[in-house]
Amino acid sequence: MLRIKKKNGQSVIEYMVLIIVVIGALLAMGSYVKRGFQGRWKSSVDDLGDQYDPRVANTEIRHTLDITTNTQIQVFDTFSEGSYTRRLDETISTEKKAGFIEVGEY
């Protein structure tokens, strides 16, 4: 009977070659996959619309400030009988500002 010896070294080399081929294929496909992701990302960002550029912007500013102030002053004179001063002030003011800022490049 003929006995065939197993060649363990040969099978290890075959597995290593197979792993190297798979890694090489993944590295070669990496740039294509990367470009695919970048294309989808750019498409998604472009669908959002125009982006804000601080160098070229038109801005409308509206500012409203409402203030109400109540002041009450009471002074009692204890040296004379029944003499006092009472003062009540109420101030209501509204301040409105509107403006437009345009910034552009030369």
PDB file of N, CA and C in Angstrom:
ATOM      1  N   MET A   1       0.811  -1.173   0.000  1.00  0.00           N
ATOM      2  CA  MET A   1       0.000   0.000   0.000  1.00  0.00           C
ATOM      3  C   MET A   1       0.862   1.247   0.000  1.00  0.00           C
ATOM      4  N   LEU A   2       0.375   2.175  -0.732  1.00  0.00           N
ATOM      5  CA  LEU A   2       1.102   3.429  -0.790  1.00  0.00           C
ATOM      6  C   LEU A   2       0.543   4.391   0.243  1.00  0.00           C
ATOM      7  N   ARG A   3       1.411   4.953   0.952  1.00  0.00           N
ATOM      8  CA  ARG A   3       0.987   5.943   1.929  1.00  0.00           C
ATOM      9  C   ARG A   3       1.334   7.334   1.403  1.00  0.00           C
ATOM     10  N   ILE A   4       0.332   8.229   1.488  1.00  0.00           N
ATOM     11  CA  ILE A   4       0.548   9.605   1.036  1.00  0.00           C
ATOM     12  C   ILE A   4       0.691  10.470   2.280  1.00  0.00           C
ATOM     13  N   LYS A   5       1.781  11.168   2.344  1.00  0.00           N
ATOM     14  CA  LYS A   5       2.023  12.030   3.497  1.00  0.00           C
ATOM     15  C   LYS A   5       1.292  13.352   3.306  1.00  0.00           C
ATOM     16  N   LYS A   6       0.740  13.863   4.394  1.00  0.00           N
ATOM     17  CA  LYS A   6       0.084  15.177   4.344  1.00  0.00           C
ATOM     18  C   LYS A   6       1.153  16.245   4.347  1.00  0.00           C
ATOM     19  N   LYS A   7       0.931  17.224   3.537  1.00  0.00           N
ATOM     20  CA  LYS A   7       1.884  18.317   3.446  1.00  0.00           C
ATOM     21  C   LYS A   7       1.273  19.540   4.123  1.00  0.00           C
ATOM     22  N   ASN A   8       1.580  19.683   5.398  1.00  0.00           N
ATOM     23  CA  ASN A   8       1.025  20.807   6.161  1.00  0.00           C
ATOM     24  C   ASN A   8       1.600  22.139   5.701  1.00  0.00           C
ATOM     25  N   GLY A   9       2.842  22.168   5.346  1.00  0.00           N
ATOM     26  CA  GLY A   9       3.477  23.407   4.914  1.00  0.00           C
ATOM     27  C   GLY A   9       2.840  23.953   3.655  1.00  0.00           C
ATOM     28  N   GLN A  10       2.479  23.078   2.760  1.00  0.00           N
ATOM     29  CA  GLN A  10       1.885  23.508   1.497  1.00  0.00           C
ATOM     30  C   GLN A  10       0.509  24.129   1.733  1.00  0.00           C
ATOM     31  N   SER A  11      -0.305  23.557   2.611  1.00  0.00           N
ATOM     32  CA  SER A  11      -1.635  24.117   2.863  1.00  0.00           C
ATOM     33  C   SER A  11      -1.549  25.478   3.565  1.00  0.00           C
ATOM     34  N   VAL A  12      -0.560  25.670   4.433  1.00  0.00           N
ATOM     35  CA  VAL A  12      -0.376  26.962   5.096  1.00  0.00           C
ATOM     36  C   VAL A  12      -0.022  28.017   4.065  1.00  0.00           C
ATOM     37  N   ILE A  13       0.851  27.689   3.135  1.00  0.00           N
ATOM     38  CA  ILE A  13       1.234  28.632   2.082  1.00  0.00           C
ATOM     39  C   ILE A  13       0.027  28.959   1.200  1.00  0.00           C
ATOM     40  N   GLU A  14      -0.789  27.967   0.893  1.00  0.00           N
ATOM     41  CA  GLU A  14      -1.989  28.215   0.090  1.00  0.00           C
ATOM     42  C   GLU A  14      -2.950  29.163   0.801  1.00  0.00           C
ATOM     43  N   TYR A  15      -3.142  28.983   2.112  1.00  0.00           N
ATOM     44  CA  TYR A  15      -4.014  29.888   2.873  1.00  0.00           C
ATOM     45  C   TYR A  15      -3.435  31.307   2.903  1.00  0.00           C
ATOM     46  N   MET A  16      -2.124  31.405   3.053  1.00  0.00           N
ATOM     47  CA  MET A  16      -1.501  32.727   3.087  1.00  0.00           C
ATOM     48  C   MET A  16      -1.674  33.440   1.744  1.00  0.00           C
ATOM     49  N   VAL A  17      -1.502  32.721   0.660  1.00  0.00           N
ATOM     50  CA  VAL A  17      -1.691  33.311  -0.675  1.00  0.00           C
ATOM     51  C   VAL A  17      -3.141  33.754  -0.840  1.00  0.00           C
ATOM     52  N   LEU A  18      -4.066  32.941  -0.392  1.00  0.00           N
ATOM     53  CA  LEU A  18      -5.485  33.288  -0.482  1.00  0.00           C
ATOM     54  C   LEU A  18      -5.791  34.554   0.335  1.00  0.00           C
ATOM     55  N   ILE A  19      -5.253  34.646   1.538  1.00  0.00           N
ATOM     56  CA  ILE A  19      -5.468  35.831   2.383  1.00  0.00           C
ATOM     57  C   ILE A  19      -4.854  37.068   1.732  1.00  0.00           C
ATOM     58  N   ILE A  20      -3.665  36.939   1.157  1.00  0.00           N
ATOM     59  CA  ILE A  20      -3.009  38.071   0.489  1.00  0.00           C
ATOM     60  C   ILE A  20      -3.834  38.533  -0.710  1.00  0.00           C
ATOM     61  N   VAL A  21      -4.396  37.607  -1.463  1.00  0.00           N
ATOM     62  CA  VAL A  21      -5.230  37.964  -2.615  1.00  0.00           C
ATOM     63  C   VAL A  21      -6.492  38.699  -2.153  1.00  0.00           C
ATOM     64  N   VAL A  22      -7.121  38.220  -1.094  1.00  0.00           N
ATOM     65  CA  VAL A  22      -8.337  38.874  -0.578  1.00  0.00           C
ATOM     66  C   VAL A  22      -8.012  40.276  -0.067  1.00  0.00           C
ATOM     67  N   ILE A  23      -6.924  40.449   0.684  1.00  0.00           N
ATOM     68  CA  ILE A  23      -6.525  41.761   1.183  1.00  0.00           C
ATOM     69  C   ILE A  23      -6.213  42.701   0.022  1.00  0.00           C
ATOM     70  N   GLY A  24      -5.532  42.192  -0.988  1.00  0.00           N
ATOM     71  CA  GLY A  24      -5.232  43.004  -2.179  1.00  0.00           C
ATOM     72  C   GLY A  24      -6.500  43.454  -2.884  1.00  0.00           C
ATOM     73  N   ALA A  25      -7.473  42.563  -2.994  1.00  0.00           N
ATOM     74  CA  ALA A  25      -8.743  42.928  -3.631  1.00  0.00           C
ATOM     75  C   ALA A  25      -9.466  43.995  -2.815  1.00  0.00           C
ATOM     76  N   LEU A  26      -9.460  43.869  -1.490  1.00  0.00           N
ATOM     77  CA  LEU A  26     -10.103  44.876  -0.642  1.00  0.00           C
ATOM     78  C   LEU A  26      -9.405  46.226  -0.752  1.00  0.00           C
ATOM     79  N   LEU A  27      -8.079  46.223  -0.801  1.00  0.00           N
ATOM     80  CA  LEU A  27      -7.348  47.482  -0.956  1.00  0.00           C
ATOM     81  C   LEU A  27      -7.626  48.120  -2.314  1.00  0.00           C
ATOM     82  N   ALA A  28      -7.719  47.319  -3.346  1.00  0.00           N
ATOM     83  CA  ALA A  28      -8.008  47.850  -4.677  1.00  0.00           C
ATOM     84  C   ALA A  28      -9.418  48.422  -4.745  1.00  0.00           C
ATOM     85  N   MET A  29     -10.372  47.814  -4.065  1.00  0.00           N
ATOM     86  CA  MET A  29     -11.759  48.298  -4.068  1.00  0.00           C
ATOM     87  C   MET A  29     -11.953  49.480  -3.132  1.00  0.00           C
ATOM     88  N   GLY A  30     -11.010  49.720  -2.219  1.00  0.00           N
ATOM     89  CA  GLY A  30     -11.167  50.771  -1.222  1.00  0.00           C
ATOM     90  C   GLY A  30     -11.385  52.148  -1.824  1.00  0.00           C
ATOM     91  N   SER A  31     -10.626  52.482  -2.854  1.00  0.00           N
ATOM     92  CA  SER A  31     -10.785  53.807  -3.450  1.00  0.00           C
ATOM     93  C   SER A  31     -12.155  53.951  -4.108  1.00  0.00           C
ATOM     94  N   TYR A  32     -12.679  52.886  -4.729  1.00  0.00           N
ATOM     95  CA  TYR A  32     -13.998  52.947  -5.343  1.00  0.00           C
ATOM     96  C   TYR A  32     -15.097  53.093  -4.290  1.00  0.00           C
ATOM     97  N   VAL A  33     -14.960  52.365  -3.201  1.00  0.00           N
ATOM     98  CA  VAL A  33     -15.937  52.472  -2.114  1.00  0.00           C
ATOM     99  C   VAL A  33     -15.886  53.862  -1.489  1.00  0.00           C
ATOM    100  N   LYS A  34     -14.679  54.386  -1.299  1.00  0.00           N
ATOM    101  CA  LYS A  34     -14.513  55.715  -0.724  1.00  0.00           C
ATOM    102  C   LYS A  34     -15.161  56.769  -1.615  1.00  0.00           C
ATOM    103  N   ARG A  35     -14.930  56.684  -2.930  1.00  0.00           N
ATOM    104  CA  ARG A  35     -15.542  57.645  -3.849  1.00  0.00           C
ATOM    105  C   ARG A  35     -17.065  57.515  -3.852  1.00  0.00           C
ATOM    106  N   GLY A  36     -17.571  56.312  -3.713  1.00  0.00           N
ATOM    107  CA  GLY A  36     -19.025  56.116  -3.645  1.00  0.00           C
ATOM    108  C   GLY A  36     -19.624  56.788  -2.429  1.00  0.00           C
ATOM    109  N   PHE A  37     -18.980  56.635  -1.256  1.00  0.00           N
ATOM    110  CA  PHE A  37     -19.465  57.292  -0.040  1.00  0.00           C
ATOM    111  C   PHE A  37     -19.387  58.812  -0.168  1.00  0.00           C
ATOM    112  N   GLN A  38     -18.290  59.317  -0.748  1.00  0.00           N
ATOM    113  CA  GLN A  38     -18.149  60.760  -0.908  1.00  0.00           C
ATOM    114  C   GLN A  38     -19.209  61.309  -1.858  1.00  0.00           C
ATOM    115  N   GLY A  39     -19.527  60.569  -2.912  1.00  0.00           N
ATOM    116  CA  GLY A  39     -20.566  61.008  -3.846  1.00  0.00           C
ATOM    117  C   GLY A  39     -21.929  61.067  -3.195  1.00  0.00           C
ATOM    118  N   ARG A  40     -22.249  60.068  -2.401  1.00  0.00           N
ATOM    119  CA  ARG A  40     -23.550  60.085  -1.705  1.00  0.00           C
ATOM    120  C   ARG A  40     -23.612  61.199  -0.675  1.00  0.00           C
ATOM    121  N   TRP A  41     -22.524  61.437   0.029  1.00  0.00           N
ATOM    122  CA  TRP A  41     -22.471  62.510   1.031  1.00  0.00           C
ATOM    123  C   TRP A  41     -22.650  63.869   0.348  1.00  0.00           C
ATOM    124  N   LYS A  42     -21.967  64.092  -0.767  1.00  0.00           N
ATOM    125  CA  LYS A  42     -22.084  65.356  -1.486  1.00  0.00           C
ATOM    126  C   LYS A  42     -23.502  65.542  -1.995  1.00  0.00           C
ATOM    127  N   SER A  43     -24.108  64.488  -2.505  1.00  0.00           N
ATOM    128  CA  SER A  43     -25.484  64.561  -2.991  1.00  0.00           C
ATOM    129  C   SER A  43     -26.444  64.935  -1.867  1.00  0.00           C
ATOM    130  N   SER A  44     -26.245  64.348  -0.698  1.00  0.00           N
ATOM    131  CA  SER A  44     -27.113  64.655   0.449  1.00  0.00           C
ATOM    132  C   SER A  44     -26.951  66.104   0.884  1.00  0.00           C
ATOM    133  N   VAL A  45     -25.728  66.600   0.905  1.00  0.00           N
ATOM    134  CA  VAL A  45     -25.482  67.992   1.312  1.00  0.00           C
ATOM    135  C   VAL A  45     -26.029  68.952   0.274  1.00  0.00           C
ATOM    136  N   ASP A  46     -25.898  68.628  -1.000  1.00  0.00           N
ATOM    137  CA  ASP A  46     -26.427  69.493  -2.056  1.00  0.00           C
ATOM    138  C   ASP A  46     -27.950  69.566  -2.005  1.00  0.00           C
ATOM    139  N   ASP A  47     -28.599  68.515  -1.543  1.00  0.00           N
ATOM    140  CA  ASP A  47     -30.056  68.531  -1.426  1.00  0.00           C
ATOM    141  C   ASP A  47     -30.539  69.465  -0.320  1.00  0.00           C
ATOM    142  N   LEU A  48     -29.658  69.825   0.613  1.00  0.00           N
ATOM    143  CA  LEU A  48     -30.042  70.736   1.686  1.00  0.00           C
ATOM    144  C   LEU A  48     -30.278  72.152   1.177  1.00  0.00           C
ATOM    145  N   GLY A  49     -29.679  72.531   0.070  1.00  0.00           N
ATOM    146  CA  GLY A  49     -29.858  73.868  -0.486  1.00  0.00           C
ATOM    147  C   GLY A  49     -28.598  74.693  -0.343  1.00  0.00           C
ATOM    148  N   ASP A  50     -28.754  75.994  -0.589  1.00  0.00           N
ATOM    149  CA  ASP A  50     -27.618  76.902  -0.509  1.00  0.00           C
ATOM    150  C   ASP A  50     -27.119  76.993   0.920  1.00  0.00           C
ATOM    151  N   GLN A  51     -25.824  77.009   1.046  1.00  0.00           N
ATOM    152  CA  GLN A  51     -25.208  77.079   2.362  1.00  0.00           C
ATOM    153  C   GLN A  51     -24.894  78.529   2.705  1.00  0.00           C
ATOM    154  N   TYR A  52     -24.812  78.826   3.981  1.00  0.00           N
ATOM    155  CA  TYR A  52     -24.504  80.168   4.459  1.00  0.00           C
ATOM    156  C   TYR A  52     -23.031  80.470   4.245  1.00  0.00           C
ATOM    157  N   ASP A  53     -22.766  81.625   3.657  1.00  0.00           N
ATOM    158  CA  ASP A  53     -21.395  82.082   3.467  1.00  0.00           C
ATOM    159  C   ASP A  53     -21.271  83.441   4.140  1.00  0.00           C
ATOM    160  N   PRO A  54     -20.498  83.553   5.217  1.00  0.00           N
ATOM    161  CA  PRO A  54     -20.433  84.821   5.949  1.00  0.00           C
ATOM    162  C   PRO A  54     -19.786  85.946   5.141  1.00  0.00           C
ATOM    163  N   ARG A  55     -19.046  85.610   4.091  1.00  0.00           N
ATOM    164  CA  ARG A  55     -18.418  86.660   3.286  1.00  0.00           C
ATOM    165  C   ARG A  55     -19.407  87.313   2.337  1.00  0.00           C
ATOM    166  N   VAL A  56     -20.465  86.603   1.965  1.00  0.00           N
ATOM    167  CA  VAL A  56     -21.482  87.139   1.065  1.00  0.00           C
ATOM    168  C   VAL A  56     -22.828  86.854   1.719  1.00  0.00           C
ATOM    169  N   ALA A  57     -23.333  87.821   2.483  1.00  0.00           N
ATOM    170  CA  ALA A  57     -24.578  87.589   3.204  1.00  0.00           C
ATOM    171  C   ALA A  57     -25.379  88.878   3.281  1.00  0.00           C
ATOM    172  N   ASN A  58     -26.678  88.764   3.191  1.00  0.00           N
ATOM    173  CA  ASN A  58     -27.594  89.868   3.419  1.00  0.00           C
ATOM    174  C   ASN A  58     -28.391  89.531   4.668  1.00  0.00           C
ATOM    175  N   THR A  59     -28.387  90.432   5.621  1.00  0.00           N
ATOM    176  CA  THR A  59     -29.020  90.169   6.904  1.00  0.00           C
ATOM    177  C   THR A  59     -29.935  91.325   7.265  1.00  0.00           C
ATOM    178  N   GLU A  60     -31.132  91.004   7.687  1.00  0.00           N
ATOM    179  CA  GLU A  60     -32.070  92.019   8.155  1.00  0.00           C
ATOM    180  C   GLU A  60     -32.161  91.899   9.670  1.00  0.00           C
ATOM    181  N   ILE A  61     -32.005  93.027  10.352  1.00  0.00           N
ATOM    182  CA  ILE A  61     -31.968  93.034  11.813  1.00  0.00           C
ATOM    183  C   ILE A  61     -33.181  93.785  12.340  1.00  0.00           C
ATOM    184  N   ARG A  62     -33.880  93.180  13.260  1.00  0.00           N
ATOM    185  CA  ARG A  62     -34.991  93.835  13.953  1.00  0.00           C
ATOM    186  C   ARG A  62     -34.766  93.673  15.446  1.00  0.00           C
ATOM    187  N   HIS A  63     -34.878  94.780  16.150  1.00  0.00           N
ATOM    188  CA  HIS A  63     -34.600  94.791  17.583  1.00  0.00           C
ATOM    189  C   HIS A  63     -35.724  95.552  18.267  1.00  0.00           C
ATOM    190  N   THR A  64     -36.385  94.948  19.227  1.00  0.00           N
ATOM    191  CA  THR A  64     -37.451  95.606  19.977  1.00  0.00           C
ATOM    192  C   THR A  64     -37.152  95.452  21.457  1.00  0.00           C
ATOM    193  N   LEU A  65     -37.232  96.576  22.178  1.00  0.00           N
ATOM    194  CA  LEU A  65     -36.963  96.584  23.606  1.00  0.00           C
ATOM    195  C   LEU A  65     -38.132  97.275  24.306  1.00  0.00           C
ATOM    196  N   ASP A  66     -38.831  96.564  25.161  1.00  0.00           N
ATOM    197  CA  ASP A  66     -39.952  97.122  25.931  1.00  0.00           C
ATOM    198  C   ASP A  66     -39.530  97.217  27.385  1.00  0.00           C
ATOM    199  N   ILE A  67     -39.701  98.413  27.957  1.00  0.00           N
ATOM    200  CA  ILE A  67     -39.311  98.638  29.347  1.00  0.00           C
ATOM    201  C   ILE A  67     -40.474  99.289  30.088  1.00  0.00           C
ATOM    202  N   THR A  68     -40.818  98.754  31.233  1.00  0.00           N
ATOM    203  CA  THR A  68     -41.802  99.359  32.123  1.00  0.00           C
ATOM    204  C   THR A  68     -41.150  99.518  33.490  1.00  0.00           C
ATOM    205  N   THR A  69     -41.176 100.738  34.001  1.00  0.00           N
ATOM    206  CA  THR A  69     -40.537 101.035  35.284  1.00  0.00           C
ATOM    207  C   THR A  69     -41.541 101.703  36.201  1.00  0.00           C
ATOM    208  N   ASN A  70     -41.685 101.206  37.410  1.00  0.00           N
ATOM    209  CA  ASN A  70     -42.521 101.813  38.441  1.00  0.00           C
ATOM    210  C   ASN A  70     -41.623 102.260  39.586  1.00  0.00           C
ATOM    211  N   THR A  71     -41.742 103.531  39.958  1.00  0.00           N
ATOM    212  CA  THR A  71     -40.946 104.080  41.051  1.00  0.00           C
ATOM    213  C   THR A  71     -41.897 104.686  42.066  1.00  0.00           C
ATOM    214  N   GLN A  72     -41.756 104.307  43.309  1.00  0.00           N
ATOM    215  CA  GLN A  72     -42.598 104.855  44.374  1.00  0.00           C
ATOM    216  C   GLN A  72     -41.684 105.326  45.498  1.00  0.00           C
ATOM    217  N   ILE A  73     -41.820 106.592  45.827  1.00  0.00           N
ATOM    218  CA  ILE A  73     -41.008 107.192  46.885  1.00  0.00           C
ATOM    219  C   ILE A  73     -41.954 107.699  47.971  1.00  0.00           C
ATOM    220  N   GLN A  74     -41.724 107.324  49.208  1.00  0.00           N
ATOM    221  CA  GLN A  74     -42.503 107.809  50.348  1.00  0.00           C
ATOM    222  C   GLN A  74     -41.533 108.283  51.423  1.00  0.00           C
ATOM    223  N   VAL A  75     -41.736 109.524  51.841  1.00  0.00           N
ATOM    224  CA  VAL A  75     -40.888 110.095  52.884  1.00  0.00           C
ATOM    225  C   VAL A  75     -41.803 110.568  54.006  1.00  0.00           C
ATOM    226  N   PHE A  76     -41.534 110.129  55.213  1.00  0.00           N
ATOM    227  CA  PHE A  76     -42.310 110.537  56.385  1.00  0.00           C
ATOM    228  C   PHE A  76     -41.411 111.346  57.307  1.00  0.00           C
ATOM    229  N   ASP A  77     -41.923 112.481  57.710  1.00  0.00           N
ATOM    230  CA  ASP A  77     -41.176 113.350  58.619  1.00  0.00           C
ATOM    231  C   ASP A  77     -41.693 113.083  60.031  1.00  0.00           C
ATOM    232  N   THR A  78     -40.853 112.563  60.879  1.00  0.00           N
ATOM    233  CA  THR A  78     -41.285 112.216  62.230  1.00  0.00           C
ATOM    234  C   THR A  78     -41.212 113.411  63.183  1.00  0.00           C
ATOM    235  N   PHE A  79     -40.527 114.473  62.787  1.00  0.00           N
ATOM    236  CA  PHE A  79     -40.403 115.628  63.697  1.00  0.00           C
ATOM    237  C   PHE A  79     -41.648 116.507  63.670  1.00  0.00           C
ATOM    238  N   SER A  80     -42.246 116.667  62.523  1.00  0.00           N
ATOM    239  CA  SER A  80     -43.483 117.446  62.480  1.00  0.00           C
ATOM    240  C   SER A  80     -44.655 116.493  62.355  1.00  0.00           C
ATOM    241  N   GLU A  81     -45.789 116.949  62.705  1.00  0.00           N
ATOM    242  CA  GLU A  81     -46.934 116.050  62.780  1.00  0.00           C
ATOM    243  C   GLU A  81     -47.662 115.977  61.432  1.00  0.00           C
ATOM    244  N   GLY A  82     -47.747 114.775  60.907  1.00  0.00           N
ATOM    245  CA  GLY A  82     -48.543 114.536  59.716  1.00  0.00           C
ATOM    246  C   GLY A  82     -47.933 114.997  58.400  1.00  0.00           C
ATOM    247  N   SER A  83     -46.702 115.292  58.335  1.00  0.00           N
ATOM    248  CA  SER A  83     -46.065 115.765  57.112  1.00  0.00           C
ATOM    249  C   SER A  83     -45.408 114.585  56.401  1.00  0.00           C
ATOM    250  N   TYR A  84     -45.768 114.394  55.160  1.00  0.00           N
ATOM    251  CA  TYR A  84     -45.130 113.325  54.385  1.00  0.00           C
ATOM    252  C   TYR A  84     -45.132 113.704  52.904  1.00  0.00           C
ATOM    253  N   THR A  85     -44.280 113.045  52.171  1.00  0.00           N
ATOM    254  CA  THR A  85     -44.191 113.230  50.720  1.00  0.00           C
ATOM    255  C   THR A  85     -44.375 111.861  50.079  1.00  0.00           C
ATOM    256  N   ARG A  86     -45.209 111.848  49.082  1.00  0.00           N
ATOM    257  CA  ARG A  86     -45.431 110.586  48.370  1.00  0.00           C
ATOM    258  C   ARG A  86     -45.344 110.878  46.874  1.00  0.00           C
ATOM    259  N   ARG A  87     -44.605 110.056  46.185  1.00  0.00           N
ATOM    260  CA  ARG A  87     -44.420 110.249  44.755  1.00  0.00           C
ATOM    261  C   ARG A  87     -44.519 108.886  44.069  1.00  0.00           C
ATOM    262  N   LEU A  88     -45.236 108.803  42.978  1.00  0.00           N
ATOM    263  CA  LEU A  88     -45.399 107.562  42.211  1.00  0.00           C
ATOM    264  C   LEU A  88     -45.143 107.888  40.749  1.00  0.00           C
ATOM    265  N   ASP A  89     -44.127 107.289  40.183  1.00  0.00           N
ATOM    266  CA  ASP A  89     -43.784 107.489  38.774  1.00  0.00           C
ATOM    267  C   ASP A  89     -43.931 106.160  38.037  1.00  0.00           C
ATOM    268  N   GLU A  90     -44.474 106.222  36.849  1.00  0.00           N
ATOM    269  CA  GLU A  90     -44.562 105.046  35.989  1.00  0.00           C
ATOM    270  C   GLU A  90     -44.059 105.454  34.614  1.00  0.00           C
ATOM    271  N   THR A  91     -43.069 104.753  34.135  1.00  0.00           N
ATOM    272  CA  THR A  91     -42.470 105.045  32.843  1.00  0.00           C
ATOM    273  C   THR A  91     -42.603 103.811  31.955  1.00  0.00           C
ATOM    274  N   ILE A  92     -43.182 104.005  30.798  1.00  0.00           N
ATOM    275  CA  ILE A  92     -43.304 102.923  29.816  1.00  0.00           C
ATOM    276  C   ILE A  92     -42.629 103.410  28.542  1.00  0.00           C
ATOM    277  N   SER A  93     -41.646 102.658  28.073  1.00  0.00           N
ATOM    278  CA  SER A  93     -40.952 103.057  26.854  1.00  0.00           C
ATOM    279  C   SER A  93     -40.754 101.845  25.958  1.00  0.00           C
ATOM    280  N   THR A  94     -40.817 102.097  24.680  1.00  0.00           N
ATOM    281  CA  THR A  94     -40.581 101.062  23.679  1.00  0.00           C
ATOM    282  C   THR A  94     -39.549 101.593  22.706  1.00  0.00           C
ATOM    283  N   GLU A  95     -38.535 100.786  22.458  1.00  0.00           N
ATOM    284  CA  GLU A  95     -37.470 101.166  21.541  1.00  0.00           C
ATOM    285  C   GLU A  95     -37.442 100.134  20.424  1.00  0.00           C
ATOM    286  N   LYS A  96     -37.542 100.609  19.202  1.00  0.00           N
ATOM    287  CA  LYS A  96     -37.523  99.700  18.057  1.00  0.00           C
ATOM    288  C   LYS A  96     -36.412 100.134  17.124  1.00  0.00           C
ATOM    289  N   LYS A  97     -35.650  99.154  16.672  1.00  0.00           N
ATOM    290  CA  LYS A  97     -34.585  99.407  15.706  1.00  0.00           C
ATOM    291  C   LYS A  97     -34.735  98.408  14.578  1.00  0.00           C
ATOM    292  N   ALA A  98     -34.531  98.872  13.368  1.00  0.00           N
ATOM    293  CA  ALA A  98     -34.542  97.989  12.215  1.00  0.00           C
ATOM    294  C   ALA A  98     -33.363  98.372  11.337  1.00  0.00           C
ATOM    295  N   GLY A  99     -32.741  97.417  10.747  1.00  0.00           N
ATOM    296  CA  GLY A  99     -31.593  97.705   9.908  1.00  0.00           C
ATOM    297  C   GLY A  99     -31.345  96.616   8.903  1.00  0.00           C
ATOM    298  N   PHE A 100     -30.416  96.886   8.019  1.00  0.00           N
ATOM    299  CA  PHE A 100     -30.056  95.939   6.983  1.00  0.00           C
ATOM    300  C   PHE A 100     -28.548  95.964   6.825  1.00  0.00           C
ATOM    301  N   ILE A 101     -27.939  94.834   6.809  1.00  0.00           N
ATOM    302  CA  ILE A 101     -26.491  94.721   6.645  1.00  0.00           C
ATOM    303  C   ILE A 101     -26.239  93.906   5.383  1.00  0.00           C
ATOM    304  N   GLU A 102     -25.399  94.438   4.525  1.00  0.00           N
ATOM    305  CA  GLU A 102     -25.032  93.716   3.310  1.00  0.00           C
ATOM    306  C   GLU A 102     -23.518  93.609   3.268  1.00  0.00           C
ATOM    307  N   VAL A 103     -23.043  92.387   3.143  1.00  0.00           N
ATOM    308  CA  VAL A 103     -21.608  92.125   3.105  1.00  0.00           C
ATOM    309  C   VAL A 103     -21.325  91.421   1.788  1.00  0.00           C
ATOM    310  N   GLY A 104     -20.305  91.855   1.105  1.00  0.00           N
ATOM    311  CA  GLY A 104     -19.988  91.223  -0.174  1.00  0.00           C
ATOM    312  C   GLY A 104     -18.499  91.202  -0.431  1.00  0.00           C
ATOM    313  N   GLU A 105     -18.128  90.436  -1.422  1.00  0.00           N
ATOM    314  CA  GLU A 105     -16.727  90.351  -1.816  1.00  0.00           C
ATOM    315  C   GLU A 105     -16.473  91.288  -2.968  1.00  0.00           C
ATOM    316  N   TYR A 106     -15.222  91.679  -3.124  1.00  0.00           N
ATOM    317  CA  TYR A 106     -14.846  92.511  -4.256  1.00  0.00           C
ATOM    318  C   TYR A 106     -14.601  91.657  -5.461  1.00  0.00           C
TER     319      TYR A 106
END
